[in-house]
Amino acid sequence: MAEKFSLSKFFGMNDEYDEDYEEDSSSTPTAKSQPTPTTPNRPVDSRKVVAMRSAKPSTSHIAICEPRIYSDAKSIAKQITGGDAVIVNFARVDEAQAQRIVDFLNGTAFAVGGEIKRIGEQIFLCTPHNFEVSGDVAANLGTQVTQ
C-alpha cells in the first residue's frame, strides 16, 4: 500500500527529528540577572506636540520674464515649479511662439496646481498653488482710463 505523501517529509522536515533533540542544560552557564535601572516617574503627556517653525516666515517671490524664443519657457517653468509666481511679457515674441509658450506654461501651472491669467494685452501671470489671484484685469483691457 502506498504511503501518504507529505510535503514536510519531502523536504526532510518530519516531526520525528524534533523529538530526538535534547538540550544539554548542564553545559550552558547561567547568567545572573541584573536589575533594570528605573527612571523617576514623570507624568506622561499623551498629546504629541510638534514645534512650529515660526522663526522666519517664508517669503513669496514674483519674477518678471520677457522670453524671446520658445526655449526660454523652460526657465520660466522651473521658476513656477520652484514655487515662484512669474509675470511673462510677450512683447518681443511673435504670436505663434507666444501661443506655444503659453500652452507650455499652462501645462506647467496645471501640473503644480497653479493657474495662469492674462493681465495685459501681451502679459500673463503664472502662479503655483500657494498664490491666490483675485480680480479680473482681462475684462478691462479694452477700456482705457483717461484722466
Foldseek 3Di string as FASTA:
>chain_A
DDDDDDPCVVVPNDPVVVVVDDDDPVPDDDDDDDDDDDDDDDDDDPDDDDDDPPPDDDDAAEAEEEDQALVVLVVVLVCQLVFHKYKYAPPNYDPVSLVVSVVVLQVSQVVQVWHKADQEPRIIIRGGNVDDDDDHNPVCHVPDDDD
